[in-house]
Amino acid sequence: MKLGCNHANCRRAARIAERAAAGGVNGMLARISLSLDKVEQKQAATLTDLEERIDTRARRIHSVLSDLGVNLGRASADRATGGPFVPVKPPQSGASAFERQLYRIHVARAQIDRYSRTLLAVPVRKPVIGEVDMSSPFGMRMDPFLKDRRFIRALICVAMQEIRFASPPMAK
């Protein structure tokens, strides 16, 4: 949410600026008010940027997990969590824009944490450790045994030294 200069904000800023120029206690209070308004606008812009970055990251991770066929709707019931569960309460109906935005950021951040934990359990790493040259690509090629063009669902790799394989984590 951007705090732009709508008519009410412009009129308020103009009134405060007039008082700020007047001097005295009222002028000082008006200058402080202007300064706080600037801080609030900068804070809102920073939170908006943070919220957009978190949402983008959550969508990217969700997309990767979906492409891998991971069911995100199923929560693990047997996984232990520490401490008492204290749910984050949604903001009240009269909450400020700041409080509502902060709540959305907390929820999106929790979603990213959940996606990240899920992604760590999925074997999506390169299985071969070290330098390897691919001698036959995945896809249509000449089958070396049948001597015919076939769709081959594997890669043939050649290594000049000992190869170590990284095993995926055990499935639960």
C-alpha atoms as a PDB file:
ATOM      1  CA  MET A   1       0.000   0.000   0.000  1.00  0.00           C
ATOM      2  CA  LYS A   2       1.568   3.263  -1.063  1.00  0.00           C
ATOM      3  CA  LEU A   3       0.839   6.402   0.896  1.00  0.00           C
ATOM      4  CA  GLY A   4       0.647   8.772  -2.012  1.00  0.00           C
ATOM      5  CA  CYS A   5      -0.608  12.317  -2.085  1.00  0.00           C
ATOM      6  CA  ASN A   6      -4.379  11.908  -2.266  1.00  0.00           C
ATOM      7  CA  HIS A   7      -6.454  14.995  -1.607  1.00  0.00           C
ATOM      8  CA  ALA A   8      -6.749  14.445   2.162  1.00  0.00           C
ATOM      9  CA  ASN A   9      -3.021  13.736   2.559  1.00  0.00           C
ATOM     10  CA  CYS A  10      -2.063  16.793   0.466  1.00  0.00           C
ATOM     11  CA  ARG A  11      -4.354  19.134   2.414  1.00  0.00           C
ATOM     12  CA  ARG A  12      -3.089  17.758   5.749  1.00  0.00           C
ATOM     13  CA  ALA A  13       0.547  18.145   4.655  1.00  0.00           C
ATOM     14  CA  ALA A  14      -0.126  21.702   3.488  1.00  0.00           C
ATOM     15  CA  ARG A  15      -1.730  22.655   6.834  1.00  0.00           C
ATOM     16  CA  ILE A  16       1.166  21.113   8.771  1.00  0.00           C
ATOM     17  CA  ALA A  17       3.714  22.878   6.544  1.00  0.00           C
ATOM     18  CA  GLU A  18       2.008  26.227   7.199  1.00  0.00           C
ATOM     19  CA  ARG A  19       2.138  25.643  10.949  1.00  0.00           C
ATOM     20  CA  ALA A  20       5.758  24.475  10.735  1.00  0.00           C
ATOM     21  CA  ALA A  21       6.749  27.755   9.108  1.00  0.00           C
ATOM     22  CA  ALA A  22       4.968  29.726  11.855  1.00  0.00           C
ATOM     23  CA  GLY A  23       7.560  28.942  14.514  1.00  0.00           C
ATOM     24  CA  GLY A  24       7.041  28.567  18.257  1.00  0.00           C
ATOM     25  CA  VAL A  25       5.673  25.457  19.909  1.00  0.00           C
ATOM     26  CA  ASN A  26       3.031  24.912  17.212  1.00  0.00           C
ATOM     27  CA  GLY A  27       5.691  25.176  14.519  1.00  0.00           C
ATOM     28  CA  MET A  28       7.929  22.724  16.330  1.00  0.00           C
ATOM     29  CA  LEU A  29       5.062  20.244  16.745  1.00  0.00           C
ATOM     30  CA  ALA A  30       4.182  20.635  13.081  1.00  0.00           C
ATOM     31  CA  ARG A  31       7.782  19.930  12.035  1.00  0.00           C
ATOM     32  CA  ILE A  32       7.828  16.836  14.232  1.00  0.00           C
ATOM     33  CA  SER A  33       4.529  15.735  12.699  1.00  0.00           C
ATOM     34  CA  LEU A  34       5.946  16.207   9.181  1.00  0.00           C
ATOM     35  CA  SER A  35       9.027  14.245  10.144  1.00  0.00           C
ATOM     36  CA  LEU A  36       6.931  11.406  11.568  1.00  0.00           C
ATOM     37  CA  ASP A  37       4.812  11.361   8.399  1.00  0.00           C
ATOM     38  CA  LYS A  38       7.974  10.939   6.317  1.00  0.00           C
ATOM     39  CA  VAL A  39       9.162   8.114   8.583  1.00  0.00           C
ATOM     40  CA  GLU A  40       5.757   6.438   8.287  1.00  0.00           C
ATOM     41  CA  GLN A  41       5.802   6.695   4.484  1.00  0.00           C
ATOM     42  CA  LYS A  42       9.331   5.284   4.310  1.00  0.00           C
ATOM     43  CA  GLN A  43       8.370   2.486   6.699  1.00  0.00           C
ATOM     44  CA  ALA A  44       5.305   1.631   4.608  1.00  0.00           C
ATOM     45  CA  ALA A  45       7.405   1.587   1.421  1.00  0.00           C
ATOM     46  CA  THR A  46       9.988  -0.687   3.067  1.00  0.00           C
ATOM     47  CA  LEU A  47       7.308  -3.086   4.313  1.00  0.00           C
ATOM     48  CA  THR A  48       5.673  -3.143   0.874  1.00  0.00           C
ATOM     49  CA  ASP A  49       9.006  -3.992  -0.734  1.00  0.00           C
ATOM     50  CA  LEU A  50       9.638  -6.717   1.863  1.00  0.00           C
ATOM     51  CA  GLU A  51       6.157  -8.153   1.378  1.00  0.00           C
ATOM     52  CA  GLU A  52       6.600  -8.275  -2.411  1.00  0.00           C
ATOM     53  CA  ARG A  53      10.002  -9.988  -2.120  1.00  0.00           C
ATOM     54  CA  ILE A  54       8.660 -12.574   0.336  1.00  0.00           C
ATOM     55  CA  ASP A  55       5.607 -13.250  -1.847  1.00  0.00           C
ATOM     56  CA  THR A  56       7.819 -13.665  -4.924  1.00  0.00           C
ATOM     57  CA  ARG A  57      10.087 -16.105  -3.117  1.00  0.00           C
ATOM     58  CA  ALA A  58       7.128 -18.091  -1.757  1.00  0.00           C
ATOM     59  CA  ARG A  59       5.609 -18.342  -5.247  1.00  0.00           C
ATOM     60  CA  ARG A  60       8.961 -19.522  -6.705  1.00  0.00           C
ATOM     61  CA  ILE A  61       9.451 -22.215  -4.063  1.00  0.00           C
ATOM     62  CA  HIS A  62       5.802 -23.291  -4.372  1.00  0.00           C
ATOM     63  CA  SER A  63       6.202 -23.540  -8.146  1.00  0.00           C
ATOM     64  CA  VAL A  64       9.321 -25.713  -7.841  1.00  0.00           C
ATOM     65  CA  LEU A  65       7.638 -28.022  -5.340  1.00  0.00           C
ATOM     66  CA  SER A  66       4.534 -28.270  -7.534  1.00  0.00           C
ATOM     67  CA  ASP A  67       6.664 -29.048 -10.604  1.00  0.00           C
ATOM     68  CA  LEU A  68       8.325 -31.834  -8.612  1.00  0.00           C
ATOM     69  CA  GLY A  69       4.904 -33.247  -7.720  1.00  0.00           C
ATOM     70  CA  VAL A  70       5.161 -32.570  -3.997  1.00  0.00           C
ATOM     71  CA  ASN A  71       1.770 -32.445  -2.278  1.00  0.00           C
ATOM     72  CA  LEU A  72       1.874 -29.264  -0.194  1.00  0.00           C
ATOM     73  CA  GLY A  73      -1.612 -29.700   1.223  1.00  0.00           C
ATOM     74  CA  ARG A  74      -0.607 -32.667   3.364  1.00  0.00           C
ATOM     75  CA  ALA A  75       0.970 -31.629   6.655  1.00  0.00           C
ATOM     76  CA  SER A  76       3.212 -34.039   8.495  1.00  0.00           C
ATOM     77  CA  ALA A  77       1.387 -35.046  11.659  1.00  0.00           C
ATOM     78  CA  ASP A  78       4.282 -36.994  13.140  1.00  0.00           C
ATOM     79  CA  ARG A  79       6.846 -34.207  13.009  1.00  0.00           C
ATOM     80  CA  ALA A  80       7.635 -32.831  16.449  1.00  0.00           C
ATOM     81  CA  THR A  81       7.689 -29.119  17.137  1.00  0.00           C
ATOM     82  CA  GLY A  82       9.124 -27.461  20.189  1.00  0.00           C
ATOM     83  CA  GLY A  83       7.561 -25.121  22.657  1.00  0.00           C
ATOM     84  CA  PRO A  84       3.935 -24.235  23.213  1.00  0.00           C
ATOM     85  CA  PHE A  85       1.953 -23.449  20.070  1.00  0.00           C
ATOM     86  CA  VAL A  86       0.944 -19.803  20.127  1.00  0.00           C
ATOM     87  CA  PRO A  87      -0.889 -18.902  16.919  1.00  0.00           C
ATOM     88  CA  VAL A  88      -0.408 -15.491  15.383  1.00  0.00           C
ATOM     89  CA  LYS A  89      -3.686 -13.665  15.781  1.00  0.00           C
ATOM     90  CA  PRO A  90      -5.005 -11.783  12.773  1.00  0.00           C
ATOM     91  CA  PRO A  91      -5.257  -8.032  13.293  1.00  0.00           C
ATOM     92  CA  GLN A  92      -8.450  -6.662  14.779  1.00  0.00           C
ATOM     93  CA  SER A  93     -10.959  -4.883  12.535  1.00  0.00           C
ATOM     94  CA  GLY A  94      -9.687  -1.478  13.659  1.00  0.00           C
ATOM     95  CA  ALA A  95      -6.013  -2.322  13.143  1.00  0.00           C
ATOM     96  CA  SER A  96      -3.755   0.100  11.313  1.00  0.00           C
ATOM     97  CA  ALA A  97      -2.429  -0.531   7.818  1.00  0.00           C
ATOM     98  CA  PHE A  98       0.982  -1.153   9.403  1.00  0.00           C
ATOM     99  CA  GLU A  99      -0.371  -3.926  11.649  1.00  0.00           C
ATOM    100  CA  ARG A 100      -2.268  -5.579   8.784  1.00  0.00           C
ATOM    101  CA  GLN A 101       0.804  -5.458   6.540  1.00  0.00           C
ATOM    102  CA  LEU A 102       3.064  -6.810   9.282  1.00  0.00           C
ATOM    103  CA  TYR A 103       0.629  -9.699   9.826  1.00  0.00           C
ATOM    104  CA  ARG A 104       0.673 -10.551   6.097  1.00  0.00           C
ATOM    105  CA  ILE A 105       4.489 -10.545   6.166  1.00  0.00           C
ATOM    106  CA  HIS A 106       4.543 -12.893   9.193  1.00  0.00           C
ATOM    107  CA  VAL A 107       2.133 -15.310   7.487  1.00  0.00           C
ATOM    108  CA  ALA A 108       4.100 -15.269   4.201  1.00  0.00           C
ATOM    109  CA  ARG A 109       7.387 -15.778   6.061  1.00  0.00           C
ATOM    110  CA  ALA A 110       5.934 -18.796   7.897  1.00  0.00           C
ATOM    111  CA  GLN A 111       4.829 -20.167   4.513  1.00  0.00           C
ATOM    112  CA  ILE A 112       8.367 -19.784   3.125  1.00  0.00           C
ATOM    113  CA  ASP A 113       9.765 -21.596   6.173  1.00  0.00           C
ATOM    114  CA  ARG A 114       7.333 -24.470   5.605  1.00  0.00           C
ATOM    115  CA  TYR A 115       8.174 -24.647   1.882  1.00  0.00           C
ATOM    116  CA  SER A 116      11.923 -24.535   2.634  1.00  0.00           C
ATOM    117  CA  ARG A 117      11.682 -27.415   5.116  1.00  0.00           C
ATOM    118  CA  THR A 118       9.716 -29.404   2.539  1.00  0.00           C
ATOM    119  CA  LEU A 119      12.234 -28.617  -0.196  1.00  0.00           C
ATOM    120  CA  LEU A 120      15.115 -29.873   1.979  1.00  0.00           C
ATOM    121  CA  ALA A 121      13.443 -33.292   2.211  1.00  0.00           C
ATOM    122  CA  VAL A 122      13.045 -33.622  -1.581  1.00  0.00           C
ATOM    123  CA  PRO A 123      16.006 -35.223  -3.408  1.00  0.00           C
ATOM    124  CA  VAL A 124      16.646 -32.497  -5.986  1.00  0.00           C
ATOM    125  CA  ARG A 125      20.429 -32.368  -5.785  1.00  0.00           C
ATOM    126  CA  LYS A 126      22.966 -33.377  -8.413  1.00  0.00           C
ATOM    127  CA  PRO A 127      23.552 -37.097  -7.623  1.00  0.00           C
ATOM    128  CA  VAL A 128      27.143 -37.212  -8.867  1.00  0.00           C
ATOM    129  CA  ILE A 129      29.845 -35.373  -6.959  1.00  0.00           C
ATOM    130  CA  GLY A 130      32.773 -34.139  -9.066  1.00  0.00           C
ATOM    131  CA  GLU A 131      33.454 -33.440 -12.744  1.00  0.00           C
ATOM    132  CA  VAL A 132      31.600 -35.673 -15.195  1.00  0.00           C
ATOM    133  CA  ASP A 133      31.347 -35.562 -19.003  1.00  0.00           C
ATOM    134  CA  MET A 134      28.053 -36.596 -20.578  1.00  0.00           C
ATOM    135  CA  SER A 135      28.707 -39.070 -23.424  1.00  0.00           C
ATOM    136  CA  SER A 136      25.053 -39.704 -24.351  1.00  0.00           C
ATOM    137  CA  PRO A 137      22.213 -37.260 -23.804  1.00  0.00           C
ATOM    138  CA  PHE A 138      18.706 -37.881 -22.563  1.00  0.00           C
ATOM    139  CA  GLY A 139      16.117 -38.257 -25.350  1.00  0.00           C
ATOM    140  CA  MET A 140      16.026 -39.654 -28.881  1.00  0.00           C
ATOM    141  CA  ARG A 141      19.269 -41.379 -29.882  1.00  0.00           C
ATOM    142  CA  MET A 142      20.655 -44.581 -31.298  1.00  0.00           C
ATOM    143  CA  ASP A 143      20.178 -47.478 -28.906  1.00  0.00           C
ATOM    144  CA  PRO A 144      23.583 -49.228 -28.676  1.00  0.00           C
ATOM    145  CA  PHE A 145      21.996 -52.664 -28.188  1.00  0.00           C
ATOM    146  CA  LEU A 146      19.022 -52.619 -30.589  1.00  0.00           C
ATOM    147  CA  LYS A 147      20.788 -50.474 -33.236  1.00  0.00           C
ATOM    148  CA  ASP A 148      17.623 -48.414 -33.721  1.00  0.00           C
ATOM    149  CA  ARG A 149      16.547 -44.873 -32.779  1.00  0.00           C
ATOM    150  CA  ARG A 150      14.864 -45.002 -29.390  1.00  0.00           C
ATOM    151  CA  PHE A 151      13.801 -42.602 -26.668  1.00  0.00           C
ATOM    152  CA  ILE A 152      16.377 -43.195 -23.957  1.00  0.00           C
ATOM    153  CA  ARG A 153      15.421 -42.107 -20.437  1.00  0.00           C
ATOM    154  CA  ALA A 154      18.913 -42.022 -19.001  1.00  0.00           C
ATOM    155  CA  LEU A 155      22.198 -40.164 -19.252  1.00  0.00           C
ATOM    156  CA  ILE A 156      25.484 -41.915 -19.846  1.00  0.00           C
ATOM    157  CA  CYS A 157      28.307 -40.150 -18.075  1.00  0.00           C
ATOM    158  CA  VAL A 158      32.043 -40.728 -18.198  1.00  0.00           C
ATOM    159  CA  ALA A 159      34.380 -39.746 -15.392  1.00  0.00           C
ATOM    160  CA  MET A 160      38.160 -39.680 -15.483  1.00  0.00           C
ATOM    161  CA  GLN A 161      38.448 -40.406 -11.769  1.00  0.00           C
ATOM    162  CA  GLU A 162      36.572 -42.147  -9.003  1.00  0.00           C
ATOM    163  CA  ILE A 163      32.938 -41.024  -8.791  1.00  0.00           C
ATOM    164  CA  ARG A 164      31.066 -40.632  -5.515  1.00  0.00           C
ATOM    165  CA  PHE A 165      27.274 -40.597  -5.561  1.00  0.00           C
ATOM    166  CA  ALA A 166      25.184 -38.505  -3.195  1.00  0.00           C
ATOM    167  CA  SER A 167      22.271 -40.551  -1.929  1.00  0.00           C
ATOM    168  CA  PRO A 168      18.915 -38.853  -1.351  1.00  0.00           C
ATOM    169  CA  PRO A 169      17.586 -38.611   2.208  1.00  0.00           C
ATOM    170  CA  MET A 170      15.546 -41.539   3.440  1.00  0.00           C
ATOM    171  CA  ALA A 171      11.814 -41.157   2.802  1.00  0.00           C
ATOM    172  CA  LYS A 172       9.582 -41.160   5.838  1.00  0.00           C
END
